[in-house]
Amino acid sequence: MPATPAIAKLDVVASSSSTGALVREIAREQANLTILAPPDRDLHHLQARPSMIRALRGADLVVALGADIEVGWLPLAINQAANPDIQPGRRGYFEAAAQVRLLDVGGPADRALGDVHPTGNPHLNMDPLRMAEVAKALAERLAMLDGDNAEEYRARAQAFGQRVEARVASWRQRLVNPPGVVSFHKDVIYLLDRFGIPLWGTPEPVPGVPPTASHLRGLIEELRGRSGLVVSTPYQLQQPPASIADALGWKQIRLPLEPPLDADGDGYLEHMQRWVDALAED
């Protein structure tokens, strides 16, 4: 009797390690996953590379963070891949940002003003509850592409959402009356908003544009006498956050926005645990 042929896996391409973590959590062995951007790179400022185009050429599904954060490279890579099934608007293209309510919606659509996002702030991966919503929507898209495993996808998304809710409940208990934050870029506002942590300023006068000495002096003078934290990511400029922290006597936190490349749902939650631990320290 001939062997039953194996069901082909979906070829899924994720733009970042956070979207990749959701794919790995929901699809598991039902998908071959490729992640385009390493976690130590700024998603605003990548370039379309031949390796990206090759991965996209055979993809069944692209999972992007969205809200234009990949606008400088992902649309170009998709067009060059000549794969009509993954064009925006087709069922092979999925944006996390389109599944949730975004912060900072509106504003000028002028790239001359820096890394602005009139459709909303794209850094929703810093809010676990929004990521749980994205996971449920992703499960439905995977079910559309692979009906044989639809119930497994949905069950995994539901289980992930339950783990997220339990973690967030415990984090709320830790983040009681937390200090305010100065963030180099407005890339942690979803985390701050979720737990009611005030954002007191950004060293960048314009998103994506290096701060001036006069802007830093003004921010320092405005914040004198307060207690707080200065946060930034490893790929951002080191000197401006350090000078603010030194001048104010504040602690400086330097953590990646994205989880490790091999993260699944639990790996993503451990990544967020590092941020909560840092924000909760006195």
C-alpha atoms as a PDB file:
ATOM      1  CA  MET A   1       0.000   0.000   0.000  1.00  0.00           C
ATOM      2  CA  PRO A   2       1.579   3.334  -0.970  1.00  0.00           C
ATOM      3  CA  ALA A   3       2.431   5.777   1.782  1.00  0.00           C
ATOM      4  CA  THR A   4       0.149   8.751   2.269  1.00  0.00           C
ATOM      5  CA  PRO A   5       1.866  11.815   0.816  1.00  0.00           C
ATOM      6  CA  ALA A   6       2.939  14.417   3.339  1.00  0.00           C
ATOM      7  CA  ILE A   7       0.933  17.607   3.379  1.00  0.00           C
ATOM      8  CA  ALA A   8       3.084  20.436   2.052  1.00  0.00           C
ATOM      9  CA  LYS A   9       4.108  23.013   4.608  1.00  0.00           C
ATOM     10  CA  LEU A  10       3.304  26.660   4.121  1.00  0.00           C
ATOM     11  CA  ASP A  11       6.248  28.857   3.218  1.00  0.00           C
ATOM     12  CA  VAL A  12       5.896  31.898   5.480  1.00  0.00           C
ATOM     13  CA  VAL A  13       8.104  34.994   5.419  1.00  0.00           C
ATOM     14  CA  ALA A  14       8.040  37.343   8.427  1.00  0.00           C
ATOM     15  CA  SER A  15       9.511  40.815   8.274  1.00  0.00           C
ATOM     16  CA  SER A  16      10.797  40.816  11.873  1.00  0.00           C
ATOM     17  CA  SER A  17      11.550  38.450  14.718  1.00  0.00           C
ATOM     18  CA  SER A  18       8.432  39.616  16.612  1.00  0.00           C
ATOM     19  CA  THR A  19       6.127  38.724  13.730  1.00  0.00           C
ATOM     20  CA  GLY A  20       8.212  35.597  13.236  1.00  0.00           C
ATOM     21  CA  ALA A  21       7.609  34.635  16.862  1.00  0.00           C
ATOM     22  CA  LEU A  22       3.861  34.690  16.250  1.00  0.00           C
ATOM     23  CA  VAL A  23       4.233  32.552  13.133  1.00  0.00           C
ATOM     24  CA  ARG A  24       6.393  30.082  15.012  1.00  0.00           C
ATOM     25  CA  GLU A  25       3.890  29.949  17.881  1.00  0.00           C
ATOM     26  CA  ILE A  26       0.769  29.542  15.743  1.00  0.00           C
ATOM     27  CA  ALA A  27       1.995  27.568  12.720  1.00  0.00           C
ATOM     28  CA  ARG A  28       4.769  25.503  14.339  1.00  0.00           C
ATOM     29  CA  GLU A  29       5.646  22.462  12.225  1.00  0.00           C
ATOM     30  CA  GLN A  30       3.019  23.353   9.615  1.00  0.00           C
ATOM     31  CA  ALA A  31       5.195  26.151   8.219  1.00  0.00           C
ATOM     32  CA  ASN A  32       8.675  26.807   6.920  1.00  0.00           C
ATOM     33  CA  LEU A  33       9.581  30.209   8.365  1.00  0.00           C
ATOM     34  CA  THR A  34      12.019  32.803   7.019  1.00  0.00           C
ATOM     35  CA  ILE A  35      12.626  36.054   8.923  1.00  0.00           C
ATOM     36  CA  LEU A  36      13.897  38.941   6.824  1.00  0.00           C
ATOM     37  CA  ALA A  37      15.227  41.391   9.428  1.00  0.00           C
ATOM     38  CA  PRO A  38      17.570  40.396  12.279  1.00  0.00           C
ATOM     39  CA  PRO A  39      16.519  41.698  15.700  1.00  0.00           C
ATOM     40  CA  ASP A  40      19.516  44.020  16.029  1.00  0.00           C
ATOM     41  CA  ARG A  41      18.532  46.137  13.007  1.00  0.00           C
ATOM     42  CA  ASP A  42      16.226  49.138  12.718  1.00  0.00           C
ATOM     43  CA  LEU A  43      13.210  48.117  10.627  1.00  0.00           C
ATOM     44  CA  HIS A  44      12.950  51.662   9.291  1.00  0.00           C
ATOM     45  CA  HIS A  45      16.326  51.540   7.589  1.00  0.00           C
ATOM     46  CA  LEU A  46      16.917  48.223   5.839  1.00  0.00           C
ATOM     47  CA  GLN A  47      17.525  47.618   2.147  1.00  0.00           C
ATOM     48  CA  ALA A  48      15.911  45.051  -0.107  1.00  0.00           C
ATOM     49  CA  ARG A  49      18.456  42.260  -0.561  1.00  0.00           C
ATOM     50  CA  PRO A  50      18.635  39.334  -3.018  1.00  0.00           C
ATOM     51  CA  SER A  51      18.129  36.865  -0.156  1.00  0.00           C
ATOM     52  CA  MET A  52      14.851  38.610   0.761  1.00  0.00           C
ATOM     53  CA  ILE A  53      13.636  38.494  -2.824  1.00  0.00           C
ATOM     54  CA  ARG A  54      14.436  34.788  -3.125  1.00  0.00           C
ATOM     55  CA  ALA A  55      12.490  34.024   0.060  1.00  0.00           C
ATOM     56  CA  LEU A  56       9.499  36.079  -1.080  1.00  0.00           C
ATOM     57  CA  ARG A  57       9.436  34.531  -4.543  1.00  0.00           C
ATOM     58  CA  GLY A  58       8.158  31.213  -3.201  1.00  0.00           C
ATOM     59  CA  ALA A  59       6.220  32.466  -0.183  1.00  0.00           C
ATOM     60  CA  ASP A  60       2.624  31.510   0.534  1.00  0.00           C
ATOM     61  CA  LEU A  61       2.299  34.212   3.179  1.00  0.00           C
ATOM     62  CA  VAL A  62       4.117  37.398   4.176  1.00  0.00           C
ATOM     63  CA  VAL A  63       3.640  38.588   7.763  1.00  0.00           C
ATOM     64  CA  ALA A  64       4.641  42.248   8.115  1.00  0.00           C
ATOM     65  CA  LEU A  65       4.535  44.518  11.149  1.00  0.00           C
ATOM     66  CA  GLY A  66       3.039  47.215   8.948  1.00  0.00           C
ATOM     67  CA  ALA A  67       2.024  50.870   9.433  1.00  0.00           C
ATOM     68  CA  ASP A  68       4.775  51.759   6.942  1.00  0.00           C
ATOM     69  CA  ILE A  69       7.684  50.701   9.168  1.00  0.00           C
ATOM     70  CA  GLU A  70       8.984  48.487   6.335  1.00  0.00           C
ATOM     71  CA  VAL A  71       7.999  50.954   3.596  1.00  0.00           C
ATOM     72  CA  GLY A  72      11.586  51.631   2.540  1.00  0.00           C
ATOM     73  CA  TRP A  73      12.368  48.036   1.591  1.00  0.00           C
ATOM     74  CA  LEU A  74       9.570  45.447   1.854  1.00  0.00           C
ATOM     75  CA  PRO A  75       7.323  46.712  -0.992  1.00  0.00           C
ATOM     76  CA  LEU A  76      10.347  46.851  -3.287  1.00  0.00           C
ATOM     77  CA  ALA A  77      11.391  43.311  -2.327  1.00  0.00           C
ATOM     78  CA  ILE A  78       7.832  42.017  -2.855  1.00  0.00           C
ATOM     79  CA  ASN A  79       7.583  43.644  -6.285  1.00  0.00           C
ATOM     80  CA  GLN A  80      10.939  42.257  -7.356  1.00  0.00           C
ATOM     81  CA  ALA A  81       9.932  38.789  -6.187  1.00  0.00           C
ATOM     82  CA  ALA A  82       7.178  38.768  -8.842  1.00  0.00           C
ATOM     83  CA  ASN A  83       4.869  36.698  -6.637  1.00  0.00           C
ATOM     84  CA  PRO A  84       1.307  37.979  -7.183  1.00  0.00           C
ATOM     85  CA  ASP A  85      -0.100  35.976  -4.262  1.00  0.00           C
ATOM     86  CA  ILE A  86       1.742  38.087  -1.649  1.00  0.00           C
ATOM     87  CA  GLN A  87       0.889  41.529  -2.954  1.00  0.00           C
ATOM     88  CA  PRO A  88      -0.942  43.813  -0.475  1.00  0.00           C
ATOM     89  CA  GLY A  89      -4.651  43.109  -0.654  1.00  0.00           C
ATOM     90  CA  ARG A  90      -4.158  39.438  -1.477  1.00  0.00           C
ATOM     91  CA  ARG A  91      -4.651  36.699   1.088  1.00  0.00           C
ATOM     92  CA  GLY A  92      -0.916  35.978   1.068  1.00  0.00           C
ATOM     93  CA  TYR A  93      -0.143  39.391   2.597  1.00  0.00           C
ATOM     94  CA  PHE A  94      -0.827  40.001   6.303  1.00  0.00           C
ATOM     95  CA  GLU A  95      -0.097  43.152   8.320  1.00  0.00           C
ATOM     96  CA  ALA A  96      -0.085  43.057  12.100  1.00  0.00           C
ATOM     97  CA  ALA A  97      -0.851  46.782  12.305  1.00  0.00           C
ATOM     98  CA  ALA A  98      -4.082  46.311  10.363  1.00  0.00           C
ATOM     99  CA  GLN A  99      -5.460  43.994  13.060  1.00  0.00           C
ATOM    100  CA  VAL A 100      -5.381  46.377  16.055  1.00  0.00           C
ATOM    101  CA  ARG A 101      -6.043  49.956  17.096  1.00  0.00           C
ATOM    102  CA  LEU A 102      -2.883  52.010  16.681  1.00  0.00           C
ATOM    103  CA  LEU A 103      -1.560  54.924  18.708  1.00  0.00           C
ATOM    104  CA  ASP A 104      -0.445  58.256  17.209  1.00  0.00           C
ATOM    105  CA  VAL A 105      -2.787  57.998  14.233  1.00  0.00           C
ATOM    106  CA  GLY A 106      -2.779  61.071  11.984  1.00  0.00           C
ATOM    107  CA  GLY A 107      -0.120  63.700  11.580  1.00  0.00           C
ATOM    108  CA  PRO A 108       1.673  64.880   8.453  1.00  0.00           C
ATOM    109  CA  ALA A 109       2.481  62.372   5.724  1.00  0.00           C
ATOM    110  CA  ASP A 110       5.792  64.046   4.922  1.00  0.00           C
ATOM    111  CA  ARG A 111       8.956  61.931   4.978  1.00  0.00           C
ATOM    112  CA  ALA A 112      10.977  65.159   5.061  1.00  0.00           C
ATOM    113  CA  LEU A 113       9.848  65.427   8.685  1.00  0.00           C
ATOM    114  CA  GLY A 114      11.630  62.175   9.576  1.00  0.00           C
ATOM    115  CA  ASP A 115      10.341  58.676  10.289  1.00  0.00           C
ATOM    116  CA  VAL A 116       6.701  59.733  10.592  1.00  0.00           C
ATOM    117  CA  HIS A 117       3.818  57.272  10.296  1.00  0.00           C
ATOM    118  CA  PRO A 118       0.478  58.993   9.632  1.00  0.00           C
ATOM    119  CA  THR A 119      -1.347  55.646   9.707  1.00  0.00           C
ATOM    120  CA  GLY A 120      -0.207  55.167  13.311  1.00  0.00           C
ATOM    121  CA  ASN A 121       2.805  54.235  15.382  1.00  0.00           C
ATOM    122  CA  PRO A 122       4.082  50.887  14.041  1.00  0.00           C
ATOM    123  CA  HIS A 123       5.783  49.597  17.193  1.00  0.00           C
ATOM    124  CA  LEU A 124       2.768  47.599  18.383  1.00  0.00           C
ATOM    125  CA  ASN A 125       5.029  44.590  19.030  1.00  0.00           C
ATOM    126  CA  MET A 126       5.845  46.287  22.346  1.00  0.00           C
ATOM    127  CA  ASP A 127       2.300  45.598  23.602  1.00  0.00           C
ATOM    128  CA  PRO A 128       1.671  41.914  24.389  1.00  0.00           C
ATOM    129  CA  LEU A 129      -2.127  42.303  24.404  1.00  0.00           C
ATOM    130  CA  ARG A 130      -2.121  43.740  20.910  1.00  0.00           C
ATOM    131  CA  MET A 131       0.186  40.942  19.820  1.00  0.00           C
ATOM    132  CA  ALA A 132      -2.340  38.439  21.198  1.00  0.00           C
ATOM    133  CA  GLU A 133      -5.002  40.077  19.014  1.00  0.00           C
ATOM    134  CA  VAL A 134      -2.670  39.820  16.034  1.00  0.00           C
ATOM    135  CA  ALA A 135      -2.080  36.140  16.819  1.00  0.00           C
ATOM    136  CA  LYS A 136      -5.808  35.414  16.604  1.00  0.00           C
ATOM    137  CA  ALA A 137      -6.092  37.198  13.260  1.00  0.00           C
ATOM    138  CA  LEU A 138      -2.982  35.407  12.010  1.00  0.00           C
ATOM    139  CA  ALA A 139      -4.523  32.062  12.968  1.00  0.00           C
ATOM    140  CA  GLU A 140      -7.530  32.887  10.796  1.00  0.00           C
ATOM    141  CA  ARG A 141      -5.307  33.797   7.854  1.00  0.00           C
ATOM    142  CA  LEU A 142      -3.331  30.569   8.233  1.00  0.00           C
ATOM    143  CA  ALA A 143      -6.629  28.676   8.419  1.00  0.00           C
ATOM    144  CA  MET A 144      -7.674  30.294   5.157  1.00  0.00           C
ATOM    145  CA  LEU A 145      -4.489  29.058   3.488  1.00  0.00           C
ATOM    146  CA  ASP A 146      -4.421  25.660   5.181  1.00  0.00           C
ATOM    147  CA  GLY A 147      -7.880  24.512   6.159  1.00  0.00           C
ATOM    148  CA  ASP A 148      -6.710  21.059   7.255  1.00  0.00           C
ATOM    149  CA  ASN A 149      -4.955  22.585  10.280  1.00  0.00           C
ATOM    150  CA  ALA A 150      -7.381  25.423  10.962  1.00  0.00           C
ATOM    151  CA  GLU A 151      -8.494  24.288  14.405  1.00  0.00           C
ATOM    152  CA  GLU A 152      -4.905  23.783  15.551  1.00  0.00           C
ATOM    153  CA  TYR A 153      -4.016  27.319  14.515  1.00  0.00           C
ATOM    154  CA  ARG A 154      -7.008  28.734  16.373  1.00  0.00           C
ATOM    155  CA  ALA A 155      -6.324  26.691  19.512  1.00  0.00           C
ATOM    156  CA  ARG A 156      -2.689  27.815  19.623  1.00  0.00           C
ATOM    157  CA  ALA A 157      -3.680  31.460  19.237  1.00  0.00           C
ATOM    158  CA  GLN A 158      -6.209  31.143  22.049  1.00  0.00           C
ATOM    159  CA  ALA A 159      -3.645  29.467  24.324  1.00  0.00           C
ATOM    160  CA  PHE A 160      -1.106  32.184  23.550  1.00  0.00           C
ATOM    161  CA  GLY A 161      -3.671  34.855  24.393  1.00  0.00           C
ATOM    162  CA  GLN A 162      -4.331  33.226  27.752  1.00  0.00           C
ATOM    163  CA  ARG A 163      -0.614  33.186  28.573  1.00  0.00           C
ATOM    164  CA  VAL A 164      -0.350  36.830  27.588  1.00  0.00           C
ATOM    165  CA  GLU A 165      -3.246  37.837  29.840  1.00  0.00           C
ATOM    166  CA  ALA A 166      -1.720  36.012  32.795  1.00  0.00           C
ATOM    167  CA  ARG A 167       1.650  37.714  32.266  1.00  0.00           C
ATOM    168  CA  VAL A 168       0.110  41.153  31.848  1.00  0.00           C
ATOM    169  CA  ALA A 169      -1.853  40.718  35.088  1.00  0.00           C
ATOM    170  CA  SER A 170       1.356  39.915  36.976  1.00  0.00           C
ATOM    171  CA  TRP A 171       3.196  42.795  35.304  1.00  0.00           C
ATOM    172  CA  ARG A 172       0.500  45.252  36.384  1.00  0.00           C
ATOM    173  CA  GLN A 173       1.250  44.310  39.992  1.00  0.00           C
ATOM    174  CA  ARG A 174       4.940  45.051  39.477  1.00  0.00           C
ATOM    175  CA  LEU A 175       4.491  48.322  37.605  1.00  0.00           C
ATOM    176  CA  VAL A 176       2.650  50.262  40.295  1.00  0.00           C
ATOM    177  CA  ASN A 177       3.519  53.989  40.349  1.00  0.00           C
ATOM    178  CA  PRO A 178       6.441  53.537  37.951  1.00  0.00           C
ATOM    179  CA  PRO A 179       8.762  56.439  37.121  1.00  0.00           C
ATOM    180  CA  GLY A 180       8.331  58.366  33.907  1.00  0.00           C
ATOM    181  CA  VAL A 181      10.428  57.583  30.864  1.00  0.00           C
ATOM    182  CA  VAL A 182      12.509  59.444  28.326  1.00  0.00           C
ATOM    183  CA  SER A 183      12.710  57.312  25.184  1.00  0.00           C
ATOM    184  CA  PHE A 184      15.170  58.033  22.370  1.00  0.00           C
ATOM    185  CA  HIS A 185      12.461  57.297  19.773  1.00  0.00           C
ATOM    186  CA  LYS A 186       8.721  56.819  20.285  1.00  0.00           C
ATOM    187  CA  ASP A 187       9.170  53.070  19.956  1.00  0.00           C
ATOM    188  CA  VAL A 188       8.104  51.976  23.464  1.00  0.00           C
ATOM    189  CA  ILE A 189       4.882  53.973  23.723  1.00  0.00           C
ATOM    190  CA  TYR A 190       2.667  50.894  23.406  1.00  0.00           C
ATOM    191  CA  LEU A 191       4.358  49.352  26.447  1.00  0.00           C
ATOM    192  CA  LEU A 192       4.171  52.623  28.376  1.00  0.00           C
ATOM    193  CA  ASP A 193       0.541  53.179  27.420  1.00  0.00           C
ATOM    194  CA  ARG A 194      -0.454  49.666  28.432  1.00  0.00           C
ATOM    195  CA  PHE A 195       0.824  50.169  31.979  1.00  0.00           C
ATOM    196  CA  GLY A 196       0.123  53.882  32.420  1.00  0.00           C
ATOM    197  CA  ILE A 197       3.769  54.962  32.394  1.00  0.00           C
ATOM    198  CA  PRO A 198       4.263  58.594  31.341  1.00  0.00           C
ATOM    199  CA  LEU A 199       6.528  59.457  28.416  1.00  0.00           C
ATOM    200  CA  TRP A 200       8.311  62.662  29.381  1.00  0.00           C
ATOM    201  CA  GLY A 201      10.158  63.333  26.168  1.00  0.00           C
ATOM    202  CA  THR A 202      12.338  62.087  23.344  1.00  0.00           C
ATOM    203  CA  PRO A 203      15.903  63.205  22.567  1.00  0.00           C
ATOM    204  CA  GLU A 204      14.988  63.182  18.870  1.00  0.00           C
ATOM    205  CA  PRO A 205      13.443  66.541  17.948  1.00  0.00           C
ATOM    206  CA  VAL A 206      12.217  64.869  14.747  1.00  0.00           C
ATOM    207  CA  PRO A 207      11.785  61.067  14.429  1.00  0.00           C
ATOM    208  CA  GLY A 208      14.857  59.531  12.817  1.00  0.00           C
ATOM    209  CA  VAL A 209      16.856  62.785  12.964  1.00  0.00           C
ATOM    210  CA  PRO A 210      19.799  63.004  15.415  1.00  0.00           C
ATOM    211  CA  PRO A 211      19.194  65.357  18.347  1.00  0.00           C
ATOM    212  CA  THR A 212      20.896  68.711  18.601  1.00  0.00           C
ATOM    213  CA  ALA A 213      22.835  69.881  21.633  1.00  0.00           C
ATOM    214  CA  SER A 214      20.330  72.672  22.257  1.00  0.00           C
ATOM    215  CA  HIS A 215      17.406  70.245  22.192  1.00  0.00           C
ATOM    216  CA  LEU A 216      19.139  67.982  24.719  1.00  0.00           C
ATOM    217  CA  ARG A 217      19.902  70.923  27.021  1.00  0.00           C
ATOM    218  CA  GLY A 218      16.284  72.050  26.885  1.00  0.00           C
ATOM    219  CA  LEU A 219      15.000  68.552  27.670  1.00  0.00           C
ATOM    220  CA  ILE A 220      17.399  68.183  30.592  1.00  0.00           C
ATOM    221  CA  GLU A 221      16.369  71.524  32.081  1.00  0.00           C
ATOM    222  CA  GLU A 222      12.693  70.648  31.684  1.00  0.00           C
ATOM    223  CA  LEU A 223      13.148  67.374  33.582  1.00  0.00           C
ATOM    224  CA  ARG A 224      15.385  68.544  36.427  1.00  0.00           C
ATOM    225  CA  GLY A 225      13.998  67.587  39.816  1.00  0.00           C
ATOM    226  CA  ARG A 226      12.062  64.593  38.538  1.00  0.00           C
ATOM    227  CA  SER A 227      12.953  60.934  38.847  1.00  0.00           C
ATOM    228  CA  GLY A 228      12.795  58.667  35.845  1.00  0.00           C
ATOM    229  CA  LEU A 229      14.454  56.327  33.364  1.00  0.00           C
ATOM    230  CA  VAL A 230      16.120  56.847  30.004  1.00  0.00           C
ATOM    231  CA  VAL A 231      15.482  54.036  27.503  1.00  0.00           C
ATOM    232  CA  SER A 232      16.982  53.312  24.106  1.00  0.00           C
ATOM    233  CA  THR A 233      17.832  50.393  21.842  1.00  0.00           C
ATOM    234  CA  PRO A 234      21.290  49.051  20.905  1.00  0.00           C
ATOM    235  CA  TYR A 235      21.187  50.396  17.326  1.00  0.00           C
ATOM    236  CA  GLN A 236      20.364  53.968  18.389  1.00  0.00           C
ATOM    237  CA  LEU A 237      22.918  56.654  19.207  1.00  0.00           C
ATOM    238  CA  GLN A 238      24.530  56.023  22.596  1.00  0.00           C
ATOM    239  CA  GLN A 239      25.706  59.489  23.567  1.00  0.00           C
ATOM    240  CA  PRO A 240      22.410  61.450  23.779  1.00  0.00           C
ATOM    241  CA  PRO A 241      20.596  59.049  26.150  1.00  0.00           C
ATOM    242  CA  ALA A 242      23.756  58.694  28.245  1.00  0.00           C
ATOM    243  CA  SER A 243      24.182  62.458  28.556  1.00  0.00           C
ATOM    244  CA  ILE A 244      20.561  62.871  29.696  1.00  0.00           C
ATOM    245  CA  ALA A 245      20.871  60.061  32.235  1.00  0.00           C
ATOM    246  CA  ASP A 246      24.155  61.459  33.594  1.00  0.00           C
ATOM    247  CA  ALA A 247      22.840  65.011  33.844  1.00  0.00           C
ATOM    248  CA  LEU A 248      19.674  63.964  35.680  1.00  0.00           C
ATOM    249  CA  GLY A 249      21.137  61.103  37.717  1.00  0.00           C
ATOM    250  CA  TRP A 250      18.698  58.667  36.157  1.00  0.00           C
ATOM    251  CA  LYS A 251      19.151  55.032  35.295  1.00  0.00           C
ATOM    252  CA  GLN A 252      19.668  54.213  31.622  1.00  0.00           C
ATOM    253  CA  ILE A 253      18.059  51.117  30.034  1.00  0.00           C
ATOM    254  CA  ARG A 254      19.329  49.762  26.732  1.00  0.00           C
ATOM    255  CA  LEU A 255      17.323  46.822  25.391  1.00  0.00           C
ATOM    256  CA  PRO A 256      16.331  45.518  21.933  1.00  0.00           C
ATOM    257  CA  LEU A 257      12.818  46.100  20.640  1.00  0.00           C
ATOM    258  CA  GLU A 258      12.692  42.717  18.951  1.00  0.00           C
ATOM    259  CA  PRO A 259      12.962  39.254  20.558  1.00  0.00           C
ATOM    260  CA  PRO A 260      15.699  36.789  19.573  1.00  0.00           C
ATOM    261  CA  LEU A 261      15.577  35.398  16.056  1.00  0.00           C
ATOM    262  CA  ASP A 262      14.501  31.942  17.259  1.00  0.00           C
ATOM    263  CA  ALA A 263      11.751  33.181  19.606  1.00  0.00           C
ATOM    264  CA  ASP A 264       8.289  31.633  19.682  1.00  0.00           C
ATOM    265  CA  GLY A 265       5.400  32.926  21.791  1.00  0.00           C
ATOM    266  CA  ASP A 266       7.140  32.149  25.064  1.00  0.00           C
ATOM    267  CA  GLY A 267      10.376  33.653  23.758  1.00  0.00           C
ATOM    268  CA  TYR A 268       8.489  36.834  22.908  1.00  0.00           C
ATOM    269  CA  LEU A 269       7.019  36.960  26.425  1.00  0.00           C
ATOM    270  CA  GLU A 270      10.452  36.462  27.977  1.00  0.00           C
ATOM    271  CA  HIS A 271      11.682  39.350  25.830  1.00  0.00           C
ATOM    272  CA  MET A 272       8.892  41.539  27.207  1.00  0.00           C
ATOM    273  CA  GLN A 273       9.675  40.307  30.718  1.00  0.00           C
ATOM    274  CA  ARG A 274      13.144  41.863  30.365  1.00  0.00           C
ATOM    275  CA  TRP A 275      11.536  45.214  29.605  1.00  0.00           C
ATOM    276  CA  VAL A 276       9.130  44.960  32.537  1.00  0.00           C
ATOM    277  CA  ASP A 277      11.942  43.979  34.896  1.00  0.00           C
ATOM    278  CA  ALA A 278      13.985  46.975  33.755  1.00  0.00           C
ATOM    279  CA  LEU A 279      11.087  49.430  34.096  1.00  0.00           C
ATOM    280  CA  ALA A 280      10.129  48.066  37.525  1.00  0.00           C
ATOM    281  CA  GLU A 281      13.554  48.490  39.098  1.00  0.00           C
ATOM    282  CA  ASP A 282      13.948  51.335  41.540  1.00  0.00           C
END
